[in-house]
Amino acid sequence: NVSVNIIVEPLIEKILEFSSEDIDVKNLPEGYIFSYDTEEAISITVKGIAEELDDVTIESLDPYIRLTNLETGTHDIVINYYVPYGVDMISEEQSISITLEEVTEAVPIINN
């Protein structure tokens, strides 16, 4: 006679807020600078068992954007995350607006 015990833990949701300062930037083209077009807080919701969600923070999700193959101008860039196993991102895909500009070298002005 074999007995099996199954423990079922409820799934819960956790809401996390962060700002553009928390977003890592990857693949900024050389010779370019960028700025965020908004300072609004960004809110995301994750879902999992309580034990898994205890360790989920903005730092552990490490939000980032990729600026690959972009031209000068304004762009809406998708925010990516490192979501751990056992946790689901239930928020809709979010993006942030940035302006990308080419750096121009300053020419010194000599006053005589």
Protein backbone atom coordinates (compact mmCIF):
# COMPACT_ATOMS: atom_id res chain seq x y z
CA ASN A 1 0.00 0.00 0.00
CA VAL A 2 1.57 3.30 -1.13
CA SER A 3 0.54 6.66 0.25
CA VAL A 4 1.29 9.92 -1.55
CA ASN A 5 0.85 13.35 -0.02
CA ILE A 6 0.53 16.31 -2.36
CA ILE A 7 0.87 19.82 -1.05
CA VAL A 8 -0.87 22.39 -3.22
CA GLU A 9 0.26 25.96 -2.70
CA PRO A 10 -1.85 28.81 -4.01
CA LEU A 11 -0.47 31.10 -6.69
CA ILE A 12 -0.25 34.72 -5.65
CA GLU A 13 0.49 37.92 -7.49
CA LYS A 14 3.12 40.52 -6.62
CA ILE A 15 3.18 44.05 -8.01
CA LEU A 16 6.55 45.75 -8.42
CA GLU A 17 7.22 49.36 -9.35
CA PHE A 18 10.38 50.86 -10.76
CA SER A 19 11.65 53.89 -12.65
CA SER A 20 13.77 54.40 -15.74
CA GLU A 21 16.83 54.61 -13.46
CA ASP A 22 16.39 50.89 -12.73
CA ILE A 23 16.62 49.91 -16.42
CA ASP A 24 19.93 48.58 -17.73
CA VAL A 25 20.83 49.73 -21.24
CA LYS A 26 22.39 47.25 -23.66
CA ASN A 27 23.87 47.86 -27.11
CA LEU A 28 23.98 51.67 -27.05
CA PRO A 29 25.60 52.46 -30.42
CA GLU A 30 29.07 53.99 -30.17
CA GLY A 31 28.96 57.75 -30.67
CA TYR A 32 25.36 58.06 -29.47
CA ILE A 33 23.65 59.21 -26.28
CA PHE A 34 20.07 58.65 -25.25
CA SER A 35 17.53 60.07 -22.84
CA TYR A 36 14.23 58.76 -21.50
CA ASP A 37 11.18 60.72 -22.61
CA THR A 38 9.26 60.00 -19.41
CA GLU A 39 9.92 59.73 -15.70
CA GLU A 40 6.67 57.90 -14.88
CA ALA A 41 6.85 54.86 -12.61
CA ILE A 42 6.52 51.51 -14.36
CA SER A 43 4.44 48.82 -12.71
CA ILE A 44 4.61 45.09 -13.44
CA THR A 45 2.85 42.08 -11.96
CA VAL A 46 4.40 38.64 -11.45
CA LYS A 47 2.71 35.44 -10.32
CA GLY A 48 3.95 32.37 -8.50
CA ILE A 49 3.94 30.58 -5.17
CA ALA A 50 4.82 32.72 -2.16
CA GLU A 51 8.16 30.99 -1.60
CA GLU A 52 9.27 31.81 -5.18
CA LEU A 53 8.00 35.40 -5.06
CA ASP A 54 9.80 36.22 -1.81
CA ASP A 55 13.08 36.58 -3.72
CA VAL A 56 11.63 38.46 -6.70
CA THR A 57 12.64 42.12 -6.67
CA ILE A 58 13.28 44.70 -9.36
CA GLU A 59 16.99 44.02 -8.84
CA SER A 60 16.53 40.28 -9.46
CA LEU A 61 14.33 40.88 -12.53
CA ASP A 62 17.04 43.27 -13.82
CA PRO A 63 14.92 45.18 -16.37
CA TYR A 64 16.82 46.12 -19.52
CA ILE A 65 16.39 47.59 -22.97
CA ARG A 66 18.35 46.89 -26.16
CA LEU A 67 19.26 49.80 -28.42
CA THR A 68 20.44 47.64 -31.32
CA ASN A 69 20.14 48.91 -34.92
CA LEU A 70 18.45 52.21 -34.06
CA GLU A 71 18.71 55.49 -35.92
CA THR A 72 18.72 58.96 -34.41
CA GLY A 73 15.24 59.92 -33.16
CA THR A 74 12.50 58.84 -30.78
CA HIS A 75 11.80 55.14 -30.26
CA ASP A 76 9.49 52.97 -28.12
CA ILE A 77 11.70 50.19 -26.76
CA VAL A 78 10.37 46.97 -25.21
CA ILE A 79 11.50 46.43 -21.60
CA ASN A 80 12.92 42.92 -21.02
CA TYR A 81 13.35 41.06 -17.72
CA TYR A 82 15.16 38.02 -16.34
CA VAL A 83 12.18 36.10 -14.97
CA PRO A 84 13.19 33.19 -12.71
CA TYR A 85 11.90 29.65 -13.14
CA GLY A 86 8.60 29.17 -11.31
CA VAL A 87 7.55 32.80 -11.74
CA ASP A 88 5.31 34.12 -14.51
CA MET A 89 5.18 37.67 -15.80
CA ILE A 90 1.48 38.42 -16.15
CA SER A 91 1.78 42.08 -17.11
CA GLU A 92 1.40 42.95 -20.75
CA GLU A 93 4.58 43.74 -22.63
CA GLN A 94 5.72 47.25 -21.71
CA SER A 95 7.87 49.72 -23.54
CA ILE A 96 9.56 53.00 -22.73
CA SER A 97 10.11 55.96 -25.02
CA ILE A 98 13.68 57.12 -25.59
CA THR A 99 15.37 59.71 -27.78
CA LEU A 100 18.64 58.68 -29.40
CA GLU A 101 21.07 61.37 -30.52
CA GLU A 102 24.42 61.28 -32.22
CA VAL A 103 27.21 62.88 -30.20
CA THR A 104 28.86 65.76 -31.97
CA GLU A 105 32.32 66.80 -30.92
CA ALA A 106 32.55 70.30 -29.53
CA VAL A 107 34.93 72.59 -31.36
CA PRO A 108 36.78 74.90 -28.96
CA ILE A 109 36.30 78.60 -29.52
CA ILE A 110 39.48 80.63 -29.11
CA ASN A 111 39.01 84.26 -28.09
CA ASN A 112 41.83 86.59 -29.14
